[in-house]
């Protein structure tokens, strides 16, 4: 014969009763703790200028700025040439 207390204890250990075992709860807490720590770490590192990701982003940003400046210079030269050609036609 098995007592109701023993049956309840067995159900809790097996996770049959819908209740989570201590191991499951402990595992979930560790996962949550790890996720929180990772989020805090990412927030802290986000403003550091010397990380690989930030250095890559800066290189990309600098490249776009350079291309934009070159395009503005080309447009300025094109406008000067067009004004010169317009003046030459008259």
PDB file of N, CA and C in Angstrom:
ATOM      1  N   UNK A   1       0.838  -1.176   0.000  1.00  0.00           N
ATOM      2  CA  UNK A   1       0.000   0.000   0.000  1.00  0.00           C
ATOM      3  C   UNK A   1       0.885   1.241   0.000  1.00  0.00           C
ATOM      4  N   UNK A   2       0.446   2.245  -0.716  1.00  0.00           N
ATOM      5  CA  UNK A   2       1.168   3.512  -0.786  1.00  0.00           C
ATOM      6  C   UNK A   2       0.268   4.608  -0.215  1.00  0.00           C
ATOM      7  N   UNK A   3       0.843   5.438   0.599  1.00  0.00           N
ATOM      8  CA  UNK A   3       0.040   6.502   1.220  1.00  0.00           C
ATOM      9  C   UNK A   3      -0.150   7.641   0.236  1.00  0.00           C
ATOM     10  N   UNK A   4      -1.107   8.477   0.516  1.00  0.00           N
ATOM     11  CA  UNK A   4      -1.388   9.634  -0.342  1.00  0.00           C
ATOM     12  C   UNK A   4      -0.203  10.595  -0.341  1.00  0.00           C
ATOM     13  N   UNK A   5       0.436  10.749   0.792  1.00  0.00           N
ATOM     14  CA  UNK A   5       1.619  11.616   0.865  1.00  0.00           C
ATOM     15  C   UNK A   5       2.735  11.093  -0.030  1.00  0.00           C
ATOM     16  N   UNK A   6       2.944   9.778   0.003  1.00  0.00           N
ATOM     17  CA  UNK A   6       3.967   9.181  -0.856  1.00  0.00           C
ATOM     18  C   UNK A   6       3.608   9.353  -2.330  1.00  0.00           C
ATOM     19  N   UNK A   7       2.354   9.161  -2.659  1.00  0.00           N
ATOM     20  CA  UNK A   7       1.889   9.332  -4.028  1.00  0.00           C
ATOM     21  C   UNK A   7       2.098  10.773  -4.497  1.00  0.00           C
ATOM     22  N   UNK A   8       1.762  11.717  -3.646  1.00  0.00           N
ATOM     23  CA  UNK A   8       1.948  13.134  -3.977  1.00  0.00           C
ATOM     24  C   UNK A   8       3.420  13.446  -4.186  1.00  0.00           C
ATOM     25  N   UNK A   9       4.285  12.912  -3.312  1.00  0.00           N
ATOM     26  CA  UNK A   9       5.717  13.141  -3.423  1.00  0.00           C
ATOM     27  C   UNK A   9       6.249  12.552  -4.742  1.00  0.00           C
ATOM     28  N   UNK A  10       5.804  11.368  -5.088  1.00  0.00           N
ATOM     29  CA  UNK A  10       6.225  10.736  -6.342  1.00  0.00           C
ATOM     30  C   UNK A  10       5.769  11.550  -7.554  1.00  0.00           C
ATOM     31  N   UNK A  11       4.546  12.033  -7.490  1.00  0.00           N
ATOM     32  CA  UNK A  11       4.029  12.862  -8.592  1.00  0.00           C
ATOM     33  C   UNK A  11       4.848  14.144  -8.748  1.00  0.00           C
ATOM     34  N   UNK A  12       5.190  14.755  -7.646  1.00  0.00           N
ATOM     35  CA  UNK A  12       5.991  15.977  -7.700  1.00  0.00           C
ATOM     36  C   UNK A  12       7.372  15.704  -8.274  1.00  0.00           C
ATOM     37  N   UNK A  13       7.964  14.581  -7.890  1.00  0.00           N
ATOM     38  CA  UNK A  13       9.285  14.232  -8.386  1.00  0.00           C
ATOM     39  C   UNK A  13       9.247  13.950  -9.888  1.00  0.00           C
ATOM     40  N   UNK A  14       8.177  13.342 -10.335  1.00  0.00           N
ATOM     41  CA  UNK A  14       8.056  13.004 -11.754  1.00  0.00           C
ATOM     42  C   UNK A  14       7.498  14.153 -12.577  1.00  0.00           C
ATOM     43  N   UNK A  15       6.931  15.132 -11.947  1.00  0.00           N
ATOM     44  CA  UNK A  15       6.350  16.265 -12.652  1.00  0.00           C
ATOM     45  C   UNK A  15       4.999  15.937 -13.263  1.00  0.00           C
ATOM     46  N   UNK A  16       4.317  14.932 -12.770  1.00  0.00           N
ATOM     47  CA  UNK A  16       3.035  14.505 -13.321  1.00  0.00           C
ATOM     48  C   UNK A  16       1.918  15.468 -12.943  1.00  0.00           C
ATOM     49  N   UNK A  17       1.973  16.026 -11.792  1.00  0.00           N
ATOM     50  CA  UNK A  17       0.882  16.823 -11.241  1.00  0.00           C
ATOM     51  C   UNK A  17       0.821  18.231 -11.833  1.00  0.00           C
ATOM     52  N   UNK A  18       1.591  18.495 -12.859  1.00  0.00           N
ATOM     53  CA  UNK A  18       1.607  19.837 -13.423  1.00  0.00           C
ATOM     54  C   UNK A  18       2.528  20.762 -12.658  1.00  0.00           C
ATOM     55  N   UNK A  19       2.979  20.324 -11.513  1.00  0.00           N
ATOM     56  CA  UNK A  19       3.906  21.127 -10.715  1.00  0.00           C
ATOM     57  C   UNK A  19       5.319  20.872 -11.222  1.00  0.00           C
ATOM     58  N   UNK A  20       6.127  21.883 -11.177  1.00  0.00           N
ATOM     59  CA  UNK A  20       7.509  21.768 -11.635  1.00  0.00           C
ATOM     60  C   UNK A  20       8.381  21.269 -10.492  1.00  0.00           C
ATOM     61  N   UNK A  21       9.314  20.451 -10.860  1.00  0.00           N
ATOM     62  CA  UNK A  21      10.222  19.927  -9.843  1.00  0.00           C
ATOM     63  C   UNK A  21      11.227  21.006  -9.461  1.00  0.00           C
ATOM     64  N   UNK A  22      11.904  20.765  -8.376  1.00  0.00           N
ATOM     65  CA  UNK A  22      12.913  21.724  -7.914  1.00  0.00           C
ATOM     66  C   UNK A  22      14.009  21.885  -8.945  1.00  0.00           C
ATOM     67  N   UNK A  23      14.374  20.782  -9.602  1.00  0.00           N
ATOM     68  CA  UNK A  23      15.425  20.849 -10.619  1.00  0.00           C
ATOM     69  C   UNK A  23      14.993  21.719 -11.799  1.00  0.00           C
ATOM     70  N   UNK A  24      13.741  21.578 -12.207  1.00  0.00           N
ATOM     71  CA  UNK A  24      13.234  22.390 -13.298  1.00  0.00           C
ATOM     72  C   UNK A  24      13.216  23.861 -12.911  1.00  0.00           C
ATOM     73  N   UNK A  25      12.760  24.147 -11.700  1.00  0.00           N
ATOM     74  CA  UNK A  25      12.722  25.533 -11.241  1.00  0.00           C
ATOM     75  C   UNK A  25      14.119  26.117 -11.145  1.00  0.00           C
ATOM     76  N   UNK A  26      15.052  25.316 -10.639  1.00  0.00           N
ATOM     77  CA  UNK A  26      16.432  25.771 -10.518  1.00  0.00           C
ATOM     78  C   UNK A  26      17.039  26.035 -11.896  1.00  0.00           C
ATOM     79  N   UNK A  27      16.750  25.170 -12.850  1.00  0.00           N
ATOM     80  CA  UNK A  27      17.254  25.335 -14.215  1.00  0.00           C
ATOM     81  C   UNK A  27      16.689  26.608 -14.845  1.00  0.00           C
ATOM     82  N   UNK A  28      15.403  26.842 -14.670  1.00  0.00           N
ATOM     83  CA  UNK A  28      14.776  28.054 -15.205  1.00  0.00           C
ATOM     84  C   UNK A  28      15.368  29.308 -14.572  1.00  0.00           C
ATOM     85  N   UNK A  29      15.615  29.256 -13.268  1.00  0.00           N
ATOM     86  CA  UNK A  29      16.200  30.415 -12.585  1.00  0.00           C
ATOM     87  C   UNK A  29      17.602  30.696 -13.123  1.00  0.00           C
ATOM     88  N   UNK A  30      18.398  29.643 -13.334  1.00  0.00           N
ATOM     89  CA  UNK A  30      19.750  29.826 -13.866  1.00  0.00           C
ATOM     90  C   UNK A  30      19.709  30.404 -15.273  1.00  0.00           C
ATOM     91  N   UNK A  31      18.786  29.908 -16.107  1.00  0.00           N
ATOM     92  CA  UNK A  31      18.651  30.431 -17.465  1.00  0.00           C
ATOM     93  C   UNK A  31      18.248  31.906 -17.447  1.00  0.00           C
ATOM     94  N   UNK A  32      17.318  32.256 -16.566  1.00  0.00           N
ATOM     95  CA  UNK A  32      16.883  33.645 -16.457  1.00  0.00           C
ATOM     96  C   UNK A  32      18.027  34.539 -15.970  1.00  0.00           C
ATOM     97  N   UNK A  33      18.767  34.033 -14.994  1.00  0.00           N
ATOM     98  CA  UNK A  33      19.913  34.776 -14.468  1.00  0.00           C
ATOM     99  C   UNK A  33      20.946  35.017 -15.566  1.00  0.00           C
ATOM    100  N   UNK A  34      21.203  33.987 -16.344  1.00  0.00           N
ATOM    101  CA  UNK A  34      22.176  34.095 -17.433  1.00  0.00           C
ATOM    102  C   UNK A  34      21.710  35.094 -18.491  1.00  0.00           C
ATOM    103  N   UNK A  35      20.435  35.059 -18.834  1.00  0.00           N
ATOM    104  CA  UNK A  35      19.883  35.997 -19.808  1.00  0.00           C
ATOM    105  C   UNK A  35      19.968  37.433 -19.285  1.00  0.00           C
ATOM    106  N   UNK A  36      19.671  37.630 -18.010  1.00  0.00           N
ATOM    107  CA  UNK A  36      19.766  38.969 -17.416  1.00  0.00           C
ATOM    108  C   UNK A  36      21.206  39.474 -17.437  1.00  0.00           C
ATOM    109  N   UNK A  37      22.138  38.584 -17.099  1.00  0.00           N
ATOM    110  CA  UNK A  37      23.546  38.973 -17.085  1.00  0.00           C
ATOM    111  C   UNK A  37      24.021  39.335 -18.496  1.00  0.00           C
ATOM    112  N   UNK A  38      23.572  38.578 -19.484  1.00  0.00           N
ATOM    113  CA  UNK A  38      23.953  38.855 -20.872  1.00  0.00           C
ATOM    114  C   UNK A  38      23.394  40.201 -21.314  1.00  0.00           C
ATOM    115  N   UNK A  39      22.157  40.501 -20.935  1.00  0.00           N
ATOM    116  CA  UNK A  39      21.539  41.768 -21.297  1.00  0.00           C
ATOM    117  C   UNK A  39      22.290  42.934 -20.646  1.00  0.00           C
ATOM    118  N   UNK A  40      22.647  42.789 -19.365  1.00  0.00           N
ATOM    119  CA  UNK A  40      23.404  43.852 -18.686  1.00  0.00           C
ATOM    120  C   UNK A  40      24.772  44.041 -19.335  1.00  0.00           C
ATOM    121  N   UNK A  41      25.398  42.954 -19.709  1.00  0.00           N
ATOM    122  CA  UNK A  41      26.712  43.017 -20.341  1.00  0.00           C
ATOM    123  C   UNK A  41      26.631  43.731 -21.688  1.00  0.00           C
ATOM    124  N   UNK A  42      25.642  43.384 -22.489  1.00  0.00           N
ATOM    125  CA  UNK A  42      25.480  44.045 -23.794  1.00  0.00           C
ATOM    126  C   UNK A  42      25.207  45.539 -23.626  1.00  0.00           C
ATOM    127  N   UNK A  43      24.417  45.885 -22.620  1.00  0.00           N
ATOM    128  CA  UNK A  43      24.119  47.305 -22.381  1.00  0.00           C
ATOM    129  C   UNK A  43      25.385  48.053 -21.964  1.00  0.00           C
ATOM    130  N   UNK A  44      26.221  47.418 -21.184  1.00  0.00           N
ATOM    131  CA  UNK A  44      27.456  48.045 -20.728  1.00  0.00           C
ATOM    132  C   UNK A  44      28.444  48.205 -21.887  1.00  0.00           C
ATOM    133  N   UNK A  45      28.569  47.190 -22.714  1.00  0.00           N
ATOM    134  CA  UNK A  45      29.549  47.185 -23.805  1.00  0.00           C
ATOM    135  C   UNK A  45      29.110  48.079 -24.962  1.00  0.00           C
ATOM    136  N   UNK A  46      27.842  48.355 -25.049  1.00  0.00           N
ATOM    137  CA  UNK A  46      27.293  49.110 -26.172  1.00  0.00           C
ATOM    138  C   UNK A  46      27.993  50.455 -26.379  1.00  0.00           C
ATOM    139  N   UNK A  47      28.436  51.090 -25.325  1.00  0.00           N
ATOM    140  CA  UNK A  47      29.030  52.421 -25.437  1.00  0.00           C
ATOM    141  C   UNK A  47      30.550  52.395 -25.476  1.00  0.00           C
ATOM    142  N   UNK A  48      31.152  51.222 -25.507  1.00  0.00           N
ATOM    143  CA  UNK A  48      32.603  51.130 -25.595  1.00  0.00           C
ATOM    144  C   UNK A  48      33.034  51.306 -27.043  1.00  0.00           C
ATOM    145  N   UNK A  49      33.976  52.198 -27.328  1.00  0.00           N
ATOM    146  CA  UNK A  49      34.370  52.441 -28.719  1.00  0.00           C
ATOM    147  C   UNK A  49      35.337  51.393 -29.270  1.00  0.00           C
ATOM    148  N   UNK A  50      35.955  50.577 -28.432  1.00  0.00           N
ATOM    149  CA  UNK A  50      37.015  49.702 -28.906  1.00  0.00           C
ATOM    150  C   UNK A  50      36.591  48.240 -29.061  1.00  0.00           C
ATOM    151  N   UNK A  51      35.305  47.974 -29.194  1.00  0.00           N
ATOM    152  CA  UNK A  51      34.873  46.605 -29.429  1.00  0.00           C
ATOM    153  C   UNK A  51      34.917  46.322 -30.921  1.00  0.00           C
ATOM    154  N   UNK A  52      34.999  45.075 -31.283  1.00  0.00           N
ATOM    155  CA  UNK A  52      35.092  44.698 -32.698  1.00  0.00           C
ATOM    156  C   UNK A  52      33.867  45.192 -33.457  1.00  0.00           C
ATOM    157  N   UNK A  53      32.709  45.024 -32.869  1.00  0.00           N
ATOM    158  CA  UNK A  53      31.470  45.443 -33.539  1.00  0.00           C
ATOM    159  C   UNK A  53      31.435  46.955 -33.747  1.00  0.00           C
ATOM    160  N   UNK A  54      31.799  47.718 -32.727  1.00  0.00           N
ATOM    161  CA  UNK A  54      31.789  49.175 -32.862  1.00  0.00           C
ATOM    162  C   UNK A  54      32.846  49.654 -33.848  1.00  0.00           C
ATOM    163  N   UNK A  55      34.007  48.992 -33.873  1.00  0.00           N
ATOM    164  CA  UNK A  55      35.041  49.370 -34.837  1.00  0.00           C
ATOM    165  C   UNK A  55      34.568  49.089 -36.265  1.00  0.00           C
ATOM    166  N   UNK A  56      33.890  47.972 -36.464  1.00  0.00           N
ATOM    167  CA  UNK A  56      33.351  47.635 -37.785  1.00  0.00           C
ATOM    168  C   UNK A  56      32.298  48.663 -38.201  1.00  0.00           C
ATOM    169  N   UNK A  57      31.407  49.006 -37.273  1.00  0.00           N
ATOM    170  CA  UNK A  57      30.373  50.000 -37.579  1.00  0.00           C
ATOM    171  C   UNK A  57      30.987  51.347 -37.921  1.00  0.00           C
ATOM    172  N   UNK A  58      32.057  51.732 -37.220  1.00  0.00           N
ATOM    173  CA  UNK A  58      32.720  53.005 -37.500  1.00  0.00           C
ATOM    174  C   UNK A  58      33.358  52.989 -38.885  1.00  0.00           C
ATOM    175  N   UNK A  59      33.972  51.870 -39.255  1.00  0.00           N
ATOM    176  CA  UNK A  59      34.569  51.762 -40.592  1.00  0.00           C
ATOM    177  C   UNK A  59      33.503  51.913 -41.667  1.00  0.00           C
ATOM    178  N   UNK A  60      32.378  51.241 -41.482  1.00  0.00           N
ATOM    179  CA  UNK A  60      31.285  51.334 -42.456  1.00  0.00           C
ATOM    180  C   UNK A  60      30.766  52.765 -42.532  1.00  0.00           C
ATOM    181  N   UNK A  61      30.581  53.389 -41.381  1.00  0.00           N
ATOM    182  CA  UNK A  61      30.105  54.771 -41.333  1.00  0.00           C
ATOM    183  C   UNK A  61      31.086  55.710 -42.023  1.00  0.00           C
ATOM    184  N   UNK A  62      32.379  55.527 -41.769  1.00  0.00           N
ATOM    185  CA  UNK A  62      33.395  56.368 -42.411  1.00  0.00           C
ATOM    186  C   UNK A  62      33.391  56.174 -43.927  1.00  0.00           C
ATOM    187  N   UNK A  63      33.208  54.925 -44.368  1.00  0.00           N
ATOM    188  CA  UNK A  63      33.178  54.653 -45.805  1.00  0.00           C
ATOM    189  C   UNK A  63      32.002  55.382 -46.460  1.00  0.00           C
ATOM    190  N   UNK A  64      30.811  55.330 -45.817  1.00  0.00           N
ATOM    191  CA  UNK A  64      29.649  56.020 -46.369  1.00  0.00           C
ATOM    192  C   UNK A  64      29.851  57.530 -46.394  1.00  0.00           C
ATOM    193  N   UNK A  65      30.468  58.072 -45.353  1.00  0.00           N
ATOM    194  CA  UNK A  65      30.743  59.510 -45.336  1.00  0.00           C
ATOM    195  C   UNK A  65      31.679  59.891 -46.473  1.00  0.00           C
ATOM    196  N   UNK A  66      32.707  59.069 -46.692  1.00  0.00           N
ATOM    197  CA  UNK A  66      33.664  59.340 -47.761  1.00  0.00           C
ATOM    198  C   UNK A  66      32.974  59.285 -49.124  1.00  0.00           C
ATOM    199  N   UNK A  67      32.148  58.270 -49.340  1.00  0.00           N
ATOM    200  CA  UNK A  67      31.420  58.161 -50.603  1.00  0.00           C
ATOM    201  C   UNK A  67      30.481  59.345 -50.808  1.00  0.00           C
ATOM    202  N   UNK A  68      29.845  59.780 -49.744  1.00  0.00           N
ATOM    203  CA  UNK A  68      28.935  60.929 -49.837  1.00  0.00           C
ATOM    204  C   UNK A  68      29.703  62.207 -50.181  1.00  0.00           C
ATOM    205  N   UNK A  69      30.855  62.400 -49.548  1.00  0.00           N
ATOM    206  CA  UNK A  69      31.675  63.577 -49.860  1.00  0.00           C
ATOM    207  C   UNK A  69      32.156  63.545 -51.311  1.00  0.00           C
ATOM    208  N   UNK A  70      32.566  62.362 -51.780  1.00  0.00           N
ATOM    209  CA  UNK A  70      33.001  62.237 -53.171  1.00  0.00           C
ATOM    210  C   UNK A  70      31.851  62.545 -54.129  1.00  0.00           C
ATOM    211  N   UNK A  71      30.653  62.067 -53.803  1.00  0.00           N
ATOM    212  CA  UNK A  71      29.495  62.332 -54.650  1.00  0.00           C
ATOM    213  C   UNK A  71      29.167  63.829 -54.677  1.00  0.00           C
ATOM    214  N   UNK A  72      29.245  64.484 -53.519  1.00  0.00           N
ATOM    215  CA  UNK A  72      28.998  65.935 -53.489  1.00  0.00           C
ATOM    216  C   UNK A  72      30.045  66.680 -54.315  1.00  0.00           C
ATOM    217  N   UNK A  73      31.298  66.247 -54.259  1.00  0.00           N
ATOM    218  CA  UNK A  73      32.362  66.874 -55.052  1.00  0.00           C
ATOM    219  C   UNK A  73      32.101  66.660 -56.543  1.00  0.00           C
ATOM    220  N   UNK A  74      31.687  65.453 -56.935  1.00  0.00           N
ATOM    221  CA  UNK A  74      31.361  65.188 -58.348  1.00  0.00           C
ATOM    222  C   UNK A  74      30.207  66.068 -58.815  1.00  0.00           C
ATOM    223  N   UNK A  75      29.194  66.218 -57.970  1.00  0.00           N
ATOM    224  CA  UNK A  75      28.056  67.066 -58.350  1.00  0.00           C
ATOM    225  C   UNK A  75      28.479  68.523 -58.498  1.00  0.00           C
ATOM    226  N   UNK A  76      29.371  68.978 -57.603  1.00  0.00           N
ATOM    227  CA  UNK A  76      29.852  70.353 -57.697  1.00  0.00           C
ATOM    228  C   UNK A  76      30.633  70.552 -58.998  1.00  0.00           C
ATOM    229  N   UNK A  77      31.489  69.600 -59.348  1.00  0.00           N
ATOM    230  CA  UNK A  77      32.275  69.692 -60.579  1.00  0.00           C
ATOM    231  C   UNK A  77      31.353  69.640 -61.792  1.00  0.00           C
ATOM    232  N   UNK A  78      30.350  68.764 -61.775  1.00  0.00           N
ATOM    233  CA  UNK A  78      29.392  68.686 -62.879  1.00  0.00           C
ATOM    234  C   UNK A  78      28.654  70.005 -63.055  1.00  0.00           C
ATOM    235  N   UNK A  79      28.267  70.635 -61.958  1.00  0.00           N
ATOM    236  CA  UNK A  79      27.557  71.921 -62.032  1.00  0.00           C
ATOM    237  C   UNK A  79      28.479  72.987 -62.610  1.00  0.00           C
ATOM    238  N   UNK A  80      29.746  72.997 -62.219  1.00  0.00           N
ATOM    239  CA  UNK A  80      30.703  73.963 -62.763  1.00  0.00           C
ATOM    240  C   UNK A  80      30.912  73.739 -64.259  1.00  0.00           C
ATOM    241  N   UNK A  81      31.043  72.479 -64.653  1.00  0.00           N
ATOM    242  CA  UNK A  81      31.220  72.172 -66.074  1.00  0.00           C
ATOM    243  C   UNK A  81      29.994  72.569 -66.880  1.00  0.00           C
ATOM    244  N   UNK A  82      28.819  72.302 -66.336  1.00  0.00           N
ATOM    245  CA  UNK A  82      27.597  72.676 -67.048  1.00  0.00           C
ATOM    246  C   UNK A  82      27.493  74.196 -67.178  1.00  0.00           C
ATOM    247  N   UNK A  83      27.857  74.913 -66.126  1.00  0.00           N
ATOM    248  CA  UNK A  83      27.838  76.382 -66.201  1.00  0.00           C
ATOM    249  C   UNK A  83      28.856  76.871 -67.220  1.00  0.00           C
ATOM    250  N   UNK A  84      30.007  76.225 -67.245  1.00  0.00           N
ATOM    251  CA  UNK A  84      31.041  76.606 -68.207  1.00  0.00           C
ATOM    252  C   UNK A  84      30.559  76.326 -69.630  1.00  0.00           C
ATOM    253  N   UNK A  85      29.980  75.162 -69.882  1.00  0.00           N
ATOM    254  CA  UNK A  85      29.473  74.835 -71.215  1.00  0.00           C
ATOM    255  C   UNK A  85      28.325  75.761 -71.615  1.00  0.00           C
ATOM    256  N   UNK A  86      27.483  76.103 -70.660  1.00  0.00           N
ATOM    257  CA  UNK A  86      26.371  77.036 -70.938  1.00  0.00           C
ATOM    258  C   UNK A  86      26.925  78.407 -71.313  1.00  0.00           C
ATOM    259  N   UNK A  87      27.944  78.819 -70.615  1.00  0.00           N
ATOM    260  CA  UNK A  87      28.566  80.107 -70.895  1.00  0.00           C
ATOM    261  C   UNK A  87      29.288  80.072 -72.255  1.00  0.00           C
ATOM    262  N   UNK A  88      29.872  78.973 -72.586  1.00  0.00           N
ATOM    263  CA  UNK A  88      30.596  78.803 -73.833  1.00  0.00           C
ATOM    264  C   UNK A  88      29.648  78.843 -75.027  1.00  0.00           C
ATOM    265  N   UNK A  89      28.425  78.312 -74.865  1.00  0.00           N
ATOM    266  CA  UNK A  89      27.426  78.331 -75.948  1.00  0.00           C
ATOM    267  C   UNK A  89      26.951  79.730 -76.232  1.00  0.00           C
ATOM    268  N   UNK A  90      26.937  80.580 -75.255  1.00  0.00           N
ATOM    269  CA  UNK A  90      26.441  81.948 -75.469  1.00  0.00           C
ATOM    270  C   UNK A  90      27.492  82.776 -76.044  1.00  0.00           C
TER     271      UNK A  90
END
